[in-house]
Amino acid sequence: MSLDRLAAFDAEPEAGEVIDGELAVTDDVLVKAFALGPDATIDPHEHDGATNVFHVVRGEVTVQQDDTEEAIAAPGVVLNERGQAHGAHNHTDEVAVLTASLCPLPGQ
């Protein structure tokens, strides 16, 4: 068994498709992986009681925070503060992969 939890996430989404999977779930944190096919979107959303950190690990995504957008290439890290609207879009022709760490878990 590998300590690398991302290694088992081998998703290859089609254009417009997002595939996600949970990498770690504890009482303190949720870590998910997202694979975005070309032209795929994680719709903007908020977490009122938690901070969400994106780690771009493959390719490039355009991250939206409130009214700001910026292209982030791997390796890249984006801090999304509590209550801040955030999302991501893959404007490239290649698959992009990011992880999202949410903590603390809502309700904890």
PDB file of N, CA and C in Angstrom:
ATOM      1  N   MET A   1       0.839  -1.184   0.000  1.00  0.00           N
ATOM      2  CA  MET A   1       0.000   0.000   0.000  1.00  0.00           C
ATOM      3  C   MET A   1       0.887   1.252   0.000  1.00  0.00           C
ATOM      4  N   SER A   2       0.589   2.178  -0.874  1.00  0.00           N
ATOM      5  CA  SER A   2       1.354   3.420  -0.978  1.00  0.00           C
ATOM      6  C   SER A   2       0.810   4.473  -0.019  1.00  0.00           C
ATOM      7  N   LEU A   3       1.686   5.287   0.501  1.00  0.00           N
ATOM      8  CA  LEU A   3       1.251   6.424   1.309  1.00  0.00           C
ATOM      9  C   LEU A   3       0.654   7.527   0.440  1.00  0.00           C
ATOM     10  N   ASP A   4       0.976   7.527  -0.843  1.00  0.00           N
ATOM     11  CA  ASP A   4       0.503   8.548  -1.781  1.00  0.00           C
ATOM     12  C   ASP A   4      -0.942   8.265  -2.173  1.00  0.00           C
ATOM     13  N   ARG A   5      -1.864   9.007  -1.609  1.00  0.00           N
ATOM     14  CA  ARG A   5      -3.288   8.780  -1.875  1.00  0.00           C
ATOM     15  C   ARG A   5      -3.716   9.261  -3.254  1.00  0.00           C
ATOM     16  N   LEU A   6      -2.965  10.175  -3.843  1.00  0.00           N
ATOM     17  CA  LEU A   6      -3.308  10.666  -5.175  1.00  0.00           C
ATOM     18  C   LEU A   6      -2.958   9.644  -6.251  1.00  0.00           C
ATOM     19  N   ALA A   7      -2.005   8.776  -5.975  1.00  0.00           N
ATOM     20  CA  ALA A   7      -1.548   7.802  -6.972  1.00  0.00           C
ATOM     21  C   ALA A   7      -2.673   6.895  -7.461  1.00  0.00           C
ATOM     22  N   ALA A   8      -3.631   6.586  -6.604  1.00  0.00           N
ATOM     23  CA  ALA A   8      -4.736   5.699  -6.980  1.00  0.00           C
ATOM     24  C   ALA A   8      -5.833   6.425  -7.758  1.00  0.00           C
ATOM     25  N   PHE A   9      -5.763   7.752  -7.822  1.00  0.00           N
ATOM     26  CA  PHE A   9      -6.769   8.545  -8.540  1.00  0.00           C
ATOM     27  C   PHE A   9      -6.285   8.720  -9.973  1.00  0.00           C
ATOM     28  N   ASP A  10      -6.748   7.849 -10.856  1.00  0.00           N
ATOM     29  CA  ASP A  10      -6.257   7.850 -12.238  1.00  0.00           C
ATOM     30  C   ASP A  10      -7.351   8.219 -13.234  1.00  0.00           C
ATOM     31  N   ALA A  11      -8.216   9.133 -12.850  1.00  0.00           N
ATOM     32  CA  ALA A  11      -9.351   9.527 -13.682  1.00  0.00           C
ATOM     33  C   ALA A  11      -8.895  10.230 -14.955  1.00  0.00           C
ATOM     34  N   GLU A  12      -9.547   9.921 -16.048  1.00  0.00           N
ATOM     35  CA  GLU A  12      -9.297  10.560 -17.345  1.00  0.00           C
ATOM     36  C   GLU A  12     -10.644  10.997 -17.926  1.00  0.00           C
ATOM     37  N   PRO A  13     -11.144  12.159 -17.507  1.00  0.00           N
ATOM     38  CA  PRO A  13     -12.467  12.606 -17.945  1.00  0.00           C
ATOM     39  C   PRO A  13     -12.500  13.022 -19.414  1.00  0.00           C
ATOM     40  N   GLU A  14     -13.677  12.933 -19.980  1.00  0.00           N
ATOM     41  CA  GLU A  14     -13.918  13.410 -21.339  1.00  0.00           C
ATOM     42  C   GLU A  14     -14.094  14.926 -21.311  1.00  0.00           C
ATOM     43  N   ALA A  15     -14.169  15.532 -22.476  1.00  0.00           N
ATOM     44  CA  ALA A  15     -14.401  16.979 -22.576  1.00  0.00           C
ATOM     45  C   ALA A  15     -15.693  17.337 -21.844  1.00  0.00           C
ATOM     46  N   GLY A  16     -15.637  18.400 -21.041  1.00  0.00           N
ATOM     47  CA  GLY A  16     -16.791  18.882 -20.305  1.00  0.00           C
ATOM     48  C   GLY A  16     -17.114  18.107 -19.041  1.00  0.00           C
ATOM     49  N   GLU A  17     -16.358  17.065 -18.727  1.00  0.00           N
ATOM     50  CA  GLU A  17     -16.646  16.189 -17.587  1.00  0.00           C
ATOM     51  C   GLU A  17     -15.699  16.470 -16.427  1.00  0.00           C
ATOM     52  N   VAL A  18     -16.250  16.400 -15.204  1.00  0.00           N
ATOM     53  CA  VAL A  18     -15.460  16.473 -13.979  1.00  0.00           C
ATOM     54  C   VAL A  18     -15.634  15.153 -13.238  1.00  0.00           C
ATOM     55  N   ILE A  19     -14.525  14.522 -12.875  1.00  0.00           N
ATOM     56  CA  ILE A  19     -14.552  13.313 -12.059  1.00  0.00           C
ATOM     57  C   ILE A  19     -13.882  13.653 -10.738  1.00  0.00           C
ATOM     58  N   ASP A  20     -14.534  13.294  -9.615  1.00  0.00           N
ATOM     59  CA  ASP A  20     -13.938  13.581  -8.316  1.00  0.00           C
ATOM     60  C   ASP A  20     -13.891  12.325  -7.463  1.00  0.00           C
ATOM     61  N   GLY A  21     -13.036  12.367  -6.464  1.00  0.00           N
ATOM     62  CA  GLY A  21     -12.913  11.260  -5.524  1.00  0.00           C
ATOM     63  C   GLY A  21     -12.326  11.740  -4.220  1.00  0.00           C
ATOM     64  N   GLU A  22     -12.746  11.093  -3.133  1.00  0.00           N
ATOM     65  CA  GLU A  22     -12.232  11.443  -1.814  1.00  0.00           C
ATOM     66  C   GLU A  22     -10.892  10.756  -1.581  1.00  0.00           C
ATOM     67  N   LEU A  23      -9.894  11.541  -1.208  1.00  0.00           N
ATOM     68  CA  LEU A  23      -8.563  11.009  -0.922  1.00  0.00           C
ATOM     69  C   LEU A  23      -8.347  10.788   0.565  1.00  0.00           C
ATOM     70  N   ALA A  24      -8.933  11.649   1.394  1.00  0.00           N
ATOM     71  CA  ALA A  24      -8.792  11.538   2.849  1.00  0.00           C
ATOM     72  C   ALA A  24      -9.986  12.206   3.509  1.00  0.00           C
ATOM     73  N   VAL A  25     -10.540  11.524   4.503  1.00  0.00           N
ATOM     74  CA  VAL A  25     -11.641  12.076   5.287  1.00  0.00           C
ATOM     75  C   VAL A  25     -11.355  11.768   6.749  1.00  0.00           C
ATOM     76  N   THR A  26     -11.204  12.822   7.546  1.00  0.00           N
ATOM     77  CA  THR A  26     -11.018  12.660   8.986  1.00  0.00           C
ATOM     78  C   THR A  26     -11.984  13.602   9.684  1.00  0.00           C
ATOM     79  N   ASP A  27     -11.914  13.638  11.008  1.00  0.00           N
ATOM     80  CA  ASP A  27     -12.751  14.575  11.754  1.00  0.00           C
ATOM     81  C   ASP A  27     -12.362  16.019  11.471  1.00  0.00           C
ATOM     82  N   ASP A  28     -11.141  16.248  10.974  1.00  0.00           N
ATOM     83  CA  ASP A  28     -10.616  17.598  10.798  1.00  0.00           C
ATOM     84  C   ASP A  28     -10.581  18.104   9.367  1.00  0.00           C
ATOM     85  N   VAL A  29     -10.476  17.195   8.389  1.00  0.00           N
ATOM     86  CA  VAL A  29     -10.235  17.639   7.014  1.00  0.00           C
ATOM     87  C   VAL A  29     -10.844  16.667   6.009  1.00  0.00           C
ATOM     88  N   LEU A  30     -11.258  17.223   4.895  1.00  0.00           N
ATOM     89  CA  LEU A  30     -11.675  16.447   3.727  1.00  0.00           C
ATOM     90  C   LEU A  30     -10.745  16.841   2.586  1.00  0.00           C
ATOM     91  N   VAL A  31     -10.109  15.851   1.955  1.00  0.00           N
ATOM     92  CA  VAL A  31      -9.260  16.101   0.791  1.00  0.00           C
ATOM     93  C   VAL A  31      -9.865  15.343  -0.383  1.00  0.00           C
ATOM     94  N   LYS A  32     -10.212  16.087  -1.425  1.00  0.00           N
ATOM     95  CA  LYS A  32     -10.783  15.490  -2.627  1.00  0.00           C
ATOM     96  C   LYS A  32      -9.892  15.804  -3.819  1.00  0.00           C
ATOM     97  N   ALA A  33      -9.935  14.920  -4.802  1.00  0.00           N
ATOM     98  CA  ALA A  33      -9.262  15.158  -6.077  1.00  0.00           C
ATOM     99  C   ALA A  33     -10.323  15.416  -7.129  1.00  0.00           C
ATOM    100  N   PHE A  34     -10.008  16.313  -8.056  1.00  0.00           N
ATOM    101  CA  PHE A  34     -10.899  16.646  -9.164  1.00  0.00           C
ATOM    102  C   PHE A  34     -10.101  16.575 -10.456  1.00  0.00           C
ATOM    103  N   ALA A  35     -10.583  15.791 -11.402  1.00  0.00           N
ATOM    104  CA  ALA A  35     -10.005  15.757 -12.746  1.00  0.00           C
ATOM    105  C   ALA A  35     -10.986  16.462 -13.666  1.00  0.00           C
ATOM    106  N   LEU A  36     -10.517  17.492 -14.345  1.00  0.00           N
ATOM    107  CA  LEU A  36     -11.359  18.279 -15.237  1.00  0.00           C
ATOM    108  C   LEU A  36     -10.940  18.015 -16.673  1.00  0.00           C
ATOM    109  N   GLY A  37     -11.880  17.516 -17.467  1.00  0.00           N
ATOM    110  CA  GLY A  37     -11.618  17.368 -18.884  1.00  0.00           C
ATOM    111  C   GLY A  37     -11.580  18.737 -19.541  1.00  0.00           C
ATOM    112  N   PRO A  38     -11.170  18.808 -20.796  1.00  0.00           N
ATOM    113  CA  PRO A  38     -11.185  20.089 -21.498  1.00  0.00           C
ATOM    114  C   PRO A  38     -12.572  20.738 -21.411  1.00  0.00           C
ATOM    115  N   ASP A  39     -12.608  22.028 -21.142  1.00  0.00           N
ATOM    116  CA  ASP A  39     -13.837  22.821 -21.051  1.00  0.00           C
ATOM    117  C   ASP A  39     -14.757  22.379 -19.916  1.00  0.00           C
ATOM    118  N   ALA A  40     -14.213  21.751 -18.879  1.00  0.00           N
ATOM    119  CA  ALA A  40     -15.006  21.336 -17.718  1.00  0.00           C
ATOM    120  C   ALA A  40     -14.923  22.400 -16.631  1.00  0.00           C
ATOM    121  N   THR A  41     -15.964  22.453 -15.789  1.00  0.00           N
ATOM    122  CA  THR A  41     -16.076  23.495 -14.777  1.00  0.00           C
ATOM    123  C   THR A  41     -16.471  22.927 -13.423  1.00  0.00           C
ATOM    124  N   ILE A  42     -15.832  23.429 -12.369  1.00  0.00           N
ATOM    125  CA  ILE A  42     -16.335  23.292 -11.006  1.00  0.00           C
ATOM    126  C   ILE A  42     -17.041  24.609 -10.733  1.00  0.00           C
ATOM    127  N   ASP A  43     -18.354  24.570 -10.650  1.00  0.00           N
ATOM    128  CA  ASP A  43     -19.131  25.798 -10.495  1.00  0.00           C
ATOM    129  C   ASP A  43     -18.744  26.546  -9.219  1.00  0.00           C
ATOM    130  N   PRO A  44     -18.756  27.879  -9.284  1.00  0.00           N
ATOM    131  CA  PRO A  44     -18.454  28.672  -8.094  1.00  0.00           C
ATOM    132  C   PRO A  44     -19.412  28.325  -6.952  1.00  0.00           C
ATOM    133  N   HIS A  45     -18.848  28.240  -5.755  1.00  0.00           N
ATOM    134  CA  HIS A  45     -19.605  27.901  -4.558  1.00  0.00           C
ATOM    135  C   HIS A  45     -18.860  28.465  -3.352  1.00  0.00           C
ATOM    136  N   GLU A  46     -19.474  28.370  -2.178  1.00  0.00           N
ATOM    137  CA  GLU A  46     -18.881  28.893  -0.948  1.00  0.00           C
ATOM    138  C   GLU A  46     -18.932  27.838   0.148  1.00  0.00           C
ATOM    139  N   HIS A  47     -18.027  27.965   1.106  1.00  0.00           N
ATOM    140  CA  HIS A  47     -18.047  27.177   2.329  1.00  0.00           C
ATOM    141  C   HIS A  47     -17.979  28.195   3.466  1.00  0.00           C
ATOM    142  N   ASP A  48     -19.114  28.478   4.097  1.00  0.00           N
ATOM    143  CA  ASP A  48     -19.145  29.521   5.115  1.00  0.00           C
ATOM    144  C   ASP A  48     -18.280  29.212   6.327  1.00  0.00           C
ATOM    145  N   GLY A  49     -18.194  27.926   6.706  1.00  0.00           N
ATOM    146  CA  GLY A  49     -17.484  27.587   7.926  1.00  0.00           C
ATOM    147  C   GLY A  49     -16.159  26.894   7.718  1.00  0.00           C
ATOM    148  N   ALA A  50     -15.621  26.930   6.489  1.00  0.00           N
ATOM    149  CA  ALA A  50     -14.386  26.196   6.234  1.00  0.00           C
ATOM    150  C   ALA A  50     -13.522  26.909   5.198  1.00  0.00           C
ATOM    151  N   THR A  51     -12.226  26.709   5.315  1.00  0.00           N
ATOM    152  CA  THR A  51     -11.255  27.169   4.329  1.00  0.00           C
ATOM    153  C   THR A  51     -11.048  26.051   3.316  1.00  0.00           C
ATOM    154  N   ASN A  52     -10.891  26.406   2.040  1.00  0.00           N
ATOM    155  CA  ASN A  52     -10.687  25.416   0.983  1.00  0.00           C
ATOM    156  C   ASN A  52      -9.409  25.786   0.235  1.00  0.00           C
ATOM    157  N   VAL A  53      -8.456  24.867   0.203  1.00  0.00           N
ATOM    158  CA  VAL A  53      -7.187  25.103  -0.481  1.00  0.00           C
ATOM    159  C   VAL A  53      -7.120  24.205  -1.708  1.00  0.00           C
ATOM    160  N   PHE A  54      -6.933  24.821  -2.886  1.00  0.00           N
ATOM    161  CA  PHE A  54      -6.730  24.077  -4.129  1.00  0.00           C
ATOM    162  C   PHE A  54      -5.232  23.855  -4.326  1.00  0.00           C
ATOM    163  N   HIS A  55      -4.866  22.638  -4.724  1.00  0.00           N
ATOM    164  CA  HIS A  55      -3.496  22.313  -5.132  1.00  0.00           C
ATOM    165  C   HIS A  55      -3.582  21.816  -6.569  1.00  0.00           C
ATOM    166  N   VAL A  56      -3.124  22.601  -7.511  1.00  0.00           N
ATOM    167  CA  VAL A  56      -3.136  22.187  -8.917  1.00  0.00           C
ATOM    168  C   VAL A  56      -1.928  21.272  -9.113  1.00  0.00           C
ATOM    169  N   VAL A  57      -2.198  20.013  -9.466  1.00  0.00           N
ATOM    170  CA  VAL A  57      -1.119  19.022  -9.544  1.00  0.00           C
ATOM    171  C   VAL A  57      -0.834  18.550 -10.967  1.00  0.00           C
ATOM    172  N   ARG A  58      -1.705  18.896 -11.902  1.00  0.00           N
ATOM    173  CA  ARG A  58      -1.488  18.514 -13.309  1.00  0.00           C
ATOM    174  C   ARG A  58      -2.207  19.514 -14.201  1.00  0.00           C
ATOM    175  N   GLY A  59      -1.526  19.999 -15.202  1.00  0.00           N
ATOM    176  CA  GLY A  59      -2.153  20.896 -16.170  1.00  0.00           C
ATOM    177  C   GLY A  59      -2.336  22.304 -15.651  1.00  0.00           C
ATOM    178  N   GLU A  60      -3.390  22.939 -16.137  1.00  0.00           N
ATOM    179  CA  GLU A  60      -3.681  24.332 -15.791  1.00  0.00           C
ATOM    180  C   GLU A  60      -5.180  24.516 -15.676  1.00  0.00           C
ATOM    181  N   VAL A  61      -5.611  25.227 -14.640  1.00  0.00           N
ATOM    182  CA  VAL A  61      -7.017  25.595 -14.481  1.00  0.00           C
ATOM    183  C   VAL A  61      -7.111  27.095 -14.256  1.00  0.00           C
ATOM    184  N   THR A  62      -8.227  27.652 -14.649  1.00  0.00           N
ATOM    185  CA  THR A  62      -8.517  29.046 -14.342  1.00  0.00           C
ATOM    186  C   THR A  62      -9.380  29.048 -13.094  1.00  0.00           C
ATOM    187  N   VAL A  63      -8.845  29.621 -12.019  1.00  0.00           N
ATOM    188  CA  VAL A  63      -9.547  29.658 -10.742  1.00  0.00           C
ATOM    189  C   VAL A  63     -10.297  30.972 -10.638  1.00  0.00           C
ATOM    190  N   GLN A  64     -11.534  30.877 -10.192  1.00  0.00           N
ATOM    191  CA  GLN A  64     -12.357  32.060  -9.951  1.00  0.00           C
ATOM    192  C   GLN A  64     -12.511  32.238  -8.447  1.00  0.00           C
ATOM    193  N   GLN A  65     -12.230  33.449  -7.971  1.00  0.00           N
ATOM    194  CA  GLN A  65     -12.504  33.847  -6.598  1.00  0.00           C
ATOM    195  C   GLN A  65     -13.298  35.136  -6.668  1.00  0.00           C
ATOM    196  N   ASP A  66     -14.534  35.077  -6.191  1.00  0.00           N
ATOM    197  CA  ASP A  66     -15.420  36.230  -6.288  1.00  0.00           C
ATOM    198  C   ASP A  66     -15.405  36.745  -7.729  1.00  0.00           C
ATOM    199  N   ASP A  67     -14.937  37.970  -7.977  1.00  0.00           N
ATOM    200  CA  ASP A  67     -14.936  38.543  -9.329  1.00  0.00           C
ATOM    201  C   ASP A  67     -13.572  38.455 -10.018  1.00  0.00           C
ATOM    202  N   THR A  68     -12.637  37.709  -9.448  1.00  0.00           N
ATOM    203  CA  THR A  68     -11.288  37.600  -9.992  1.00  0.00           C
ATOM    204  C   THR A  68     -11.067  36.219 -10.592  1.00  0.00           C
ATOM    205  N   GLU A  69     -10.391  36.167 -11.751  1.00  0.00           N
ATOM    206  CA  GLU A  69     -10.003  34.901 -12.369  1.00  0.00           C
ATOM    207  C   GLU A  69      -8.511  34.932 -12.666  1.00  0.00           C
ATOM    208  N   GLU A  70      -7.860  33.767 -12.466  1.00  0.00           N
ATOM    209  CA  GLU A  70      -6.434  33.671 -12.767  1.00  0.00           C
ATOM    210  C   GLU A  70      -6.101  32.244 -13.189  1.00  0.00           C
ATOM    211  N   ALA A  71      -5.307  32.115 -14.246  1.00  0.00           N
ATOM    212  CA  ALA A  71      -4.838  30.800 -14.686  1.00  0.00           C
ATOM    213  C   ALA A  71      -3.726  30.347 -13.744  1.00  0.00           C
ATOM    214  N   ILE A  72      -3.872  29.128 -13.216  1.00  0.00           N
ATOM    215  CA  ILE A  72      -2.899  28.554 -12.290  1.00  0.00           C
ATOM    216  C   ILE A  72      -2.402  27.245 -12.889  1.00  0.00           C
ATOM    217  N   ALA A  73      -1.104  27.154 -13.124  1.00  0.00           N
ATOM    218  CA  ALA A  73      -0.503  25.941 -13.685  1.00  0.00           C
ATOM    219  C   ALA A  73       0.141  25.121 -12.575  1.00  0.00           C
ATOM    220  N   ALA A  74       0.185  23.807 -12.781  1.00  0.00           N
ATOM    221  CA  ALA A  74       0.834  22.918 -11.822  1.00  0.00           C
ATOM    222  C   ALA A  74       2.336  23.171 -11.815  1.00  0.00           C
ATOM    223  N   PRO A  75       2.952  23.167 -10.662  1.00  0.00           N
ATOM    224  CA  PRO A  75       2.343  23.049  -9.347  1.00  0.00           C
ATOM    225  C   PRO A  75       1.896  24.425  -8.857  1.00  0.00           C
ATOM    226  N   GLY A  76       0.692  24.496  -8.338  1.00  0.00           N
ATOM    227  CA  GLY A  76       0.164  25.763  -7.856  1.00  0.00           C
ATOM    228  C   GLY A  76      -0.767  25.545  -6.680  1.00  0.00           C
ATOM    229  N   VAL A  77      -0.836  26.535  -5.801  1.00  0.00           N
ATOM    230  CA  VAL A  77      -1.674  26.459  -4.607  1.00  0.00           C
ATOM    231  C   VAL A  77      -2.501  27.731  -4.512  1.00  0.00           C
ATOM    232  N   VAL A  78      -3.810  27.567  -4.263  1.00  0.00           N
ATOM    233  CA  VAL A  78      -4.721  28.705  -4.150  1.00  0.00           C
ATOM    234  C   VAL A  78      -5.485  28.594  -2.834  1.00  0.00           C
ATOM    235  N   LEU A  79      -5.424  29.636  -2.016  1.00  0.00           N
ATOM    236  CA  LEU A  79      -6.160  29.695  -0.757  1.00  0.00           C
ATOM    237  C   LEU A  79      -7.517  30.337  -1.002  1.00  0.00           C
ATOM    238  N   ASN A  80      -8.588  29.621  -0.674  1.00  0.00           N
ATOM    239  CA  ASN A  80      -9.953  30.138  -0.743  1.00  0.00           C
ATOM    240  C   ASN A  80     -10.445  30.297   0.693  1.00  0.00           C
ATOM    241  N   GLU A  81     -10.554  31.532   1.138  1.00  0.00           N
ATOM    242  CA  GLU A  81     -10.933  31.817   2.524  1.00  0.00           C
ATOM    243  C   GLU A  81     -12.377  31.411   2.796  1.00  0.00           C
ATOM    244  N   ARG A  82     -12.713  31.289   4.072  1.00  0.00           N
ATOM    245  CA  ARG A  82     -14.080  30.967   4.485  1.00  0.00           C
ATOM    246  C   ARG A  82     -15.055  31.975   3.887  1.00  0.00           C
ATOM    247  N   GLY A  83     -16.132  31.461   3.311  1.00  0.00           N
ATOM    248  CA  GLY A  83     -17.175  32.316   2.761  1.00  0.00           C
ATOM    249  C   GLY A  83     -16.858  32.941   1.418  1.00  0.00           C
ATOM    250  N   GLN A  84     -15.691  32.694   0.861  1.00  0.00           N
ATOM    251  CA  GLN A  84     -15.299  33.278  -0.425  1.00  0.00           C
ATOM    252  C   GLN A  84     -15.774  32.378  -1.565  1.00  0.00           C
ATOM    253  N   ALA A  85     -16.500  32.960  -2.507  1.00  0.00           N
ATOM    254  CA  ALA A  85     -16.949  32.193  -3.672  1.00  0.00           C
ATOM    255  C   ALA A  85     -15.736  31.785  -4.497  1.00  0.00           C
ATOM    256  N   HIS A  86     -15.700  30.505  -4.909  1.00  0.00           N
ATOM    257  CA  HIS A  86     -14.568  29.999  -5.683  1.00  0.00           C
ATOM    258  C   HIS A  86     -15.022  28.856  -6.583  1.00  0.00           C
ATOM    259  N   GLY A  87     -14.319  28.706  -7.689  1.00  0.00           N
ATOM    260  CA  GLY A  87     -14.591  27.638  -8.641  1.00  0.00           C
ATOM    261  C   GLY A  87     -13.396  27.506  -9.566  1.00  0.00           C
ATOM    262  N   ALA A  88     -13.505  26.624 -10.563  1.00  0.00           N
ATOM    263  CA  ALA A  88     -12.384  26.411 -11.485  1.00  0.00           C
ATOM    264  C   ALA A  88     -12.909  25.966 -12.839  1.00  0.00           C
ATOM    265  N   HIS A  89     -12.165  26.318 -13.891  1.00  0.00           N
ATOM    266  CA  HIS A  89     -12.523  25.927 -15.260  1.00  0.00           C
ATOM    267  C   HIS A  89     -11.252  25.527 -16.002  1.00  0.00           C
ATOM    268  N   ASN A  90     -11.374  24.480 -16.798  1.00  0.00           N
ATOM    269  CA  ASN A  90     -10.250  24.038 -17.625  1.00  0.00           C
ATOM    270  C   ASN A  90     -10.457  24.576 -19.033  1.00  0.00           C
ATOM    271  N   HIS A  91      -9.708  25.602 -19.397  1.00  0.00           N
ATOM    272  CA  HIS A  91      -9.792  26.204 -20.730  1.00  0.00           C
ATOM    273  C   HIS A  91      -8.839  25.541 -21.722  1.00  0.00           C
ATOM    274  N   THR A  92      -8.095  24.521 -21.294  1.00  0.00           N
ATOM    275  CA  THR A  92      -7.099  23.899 -22.160  1.00  0.00           C
ATOM    276  C   THR A  92      -7.670  22.670 -22.867  1.00  0.00           C
ATOM    277  N   ASP A  93      -6.866  22.078 -23.729  1.00  0.00           N
ATOM    278  CA  ASP A  93      -7.245  20.853 -24.439  1.00  0.00           C
ATOM    279  C   ASP A  93      -6.767  19.597 -23.722  1.00  0.00           C
ATOM    280  N   GLU A  94      -6.165  19.750 -22.556  1.00  0.00           N
ATOM    281  CA  GLU A  94      -5.625  18.622 -21.784  1.00  0.00           C
ATOM    282  C   GLU A  94      -6.402  18.465 -20.481  1.00  0.00           C
ATOM    283  N   VAL A  95      -6.321  17.293 -19.878  1.00  0.00           N
ATOM    284  CA  VAL A  95      -6.924  17.061 -18.565  1.00  0.00           C
ATOM    285  C   VAL A  95      -6.129  17.835 -17.514  1.00  0.00           C
ATOM    286  N   ALA A  96      -6.841  18.430 -16.576  1.00  0.00           N
ATOM    287  CA  ALA A  96      -6.224  19.113 -15.440  1.00  0.00           C
ATOM    288  C   ALA A  96      -6.688  18.418 -14.161  1.00  0.00           C
ATOM    289  N   VAL A  97      -5.785  18.337 -13.184  1.00  0.00           N
ATOM    290  CA  VAL A  97      -6.121  17.697 -11.911  1.00  0.00           C
ATOM    291  C   VAL A  97      -5.749  18.643 -10.776  1.00  0.00           C
ATOM    292  N   LEU A  98      -6.676  18.787  -9.825  1.00  0.00           N
ATOM    293  CA  LEU A  98      -6.402  19.548  -8.619  1.00  0.00           C
ATOM    294  C   LEU A  98      -6.951  18.789  -7.430  1.00  0.00           C
ATOM    295  N   THR A  99      -6.376  19.061  -6.268  1.00  0.00           N
ATOM    296  CA  THR A  99      -6.963  18.567  -5.034  1.00  0.00           C
ATOM    297  C   THR A  99      -7.535  19.765  -4.293  1.00  0.00           C
ATOM    298  N   ALA A 100      -8.509  19.481  -3.444  1.00  0.00           N
ATOM    299  CA  ALA A 100      -9.115  20.511  -2.614  1.00  0.00           C
ATOM    300  C   ALA A 100      -9.127  19.998  -1.181  1.00  0.00           C
ATOM    301  N   SER A 101      -8.537  20.776  -0.282  1.00  0.00           N
ATOM    302  CA  SER A 101      -8.516  20.436   1.142  1.00  0.00           C
ATOM    303  C   SER A 101      -9.473  21.372   1.855  1.00  0.00           C
ATOM    304  N   LEU A 102     -10.482  20.806   2.494  1.00  0.00           N
ATOM    305  CA  LEU A 102     -11.516  21.574   3.182  1.00  0.00           C
ATOM    306  C   LEU A 102     -11.360  21.347   4.676  1.00  0.00           C
ATOM    307  N   CYS A 103     -11.121  22.446   5.427  1.00  0.00           N
ATOM    308  CA  CYS A 103     -10.994  22.294   6.865  1.00  0.00           C
ATOM    309  C   CYS A 103     -11.327  23.606   7.578  1.00  0.00           C
ATOM    310  N   PRO A 104     -11.879  23.556   8.759  1.00  0.00           N
ATOM    311  CA  PRO A 104     -12.372  22.315   9.344  1.00  0.00           C
ATOM    312  C   PRO A 104     -13.614  21.848   8.594  1.00  0.00           C
ATOM    313  N   LEU A 105     -13.954  20.596   8.777  1.00  0.00           N
ATOM    314  CA  LEU A 105     -15.172  20.093   8.153  1.00  0.00           C
ATOM    315  C   LEU A 105     -16.365  20.828   8.741  1.00  0.00           C
ATOM    316  N   PRO A 106     -17.334  21.208   7.910  1.00  0.00           N
ATOM    317  CA  PRO A 106     -18.532  21.864   8.438  1.00  0.00           C
ATOM    318  C   PRO A 106     -19.178  21.009   9.529  1.00  0.00           C
ATOM    319  N   GLY A 107     -19.554  21.657  10.599  1.00  0.00           N
ATOM    320  CA  GLY A 107     -20.190  20.963  11.708  1.00  0.00           C
ATOM    321  C   GLY A 107     -19.216  20.436  12.744  1.00  0.00           C
ATOM    322  N   GLN A 108     -17.914  20.639  12.538  1.00  0.00           N
ATOM    323  CA  GLN A 108     -16.914  20.135  13.494  1.00  0.00           C
ATOM    324  C   GLN A 108     -16.571  21.205  14.497  1.00  0.00           C
TER     325      GLN A 108
END
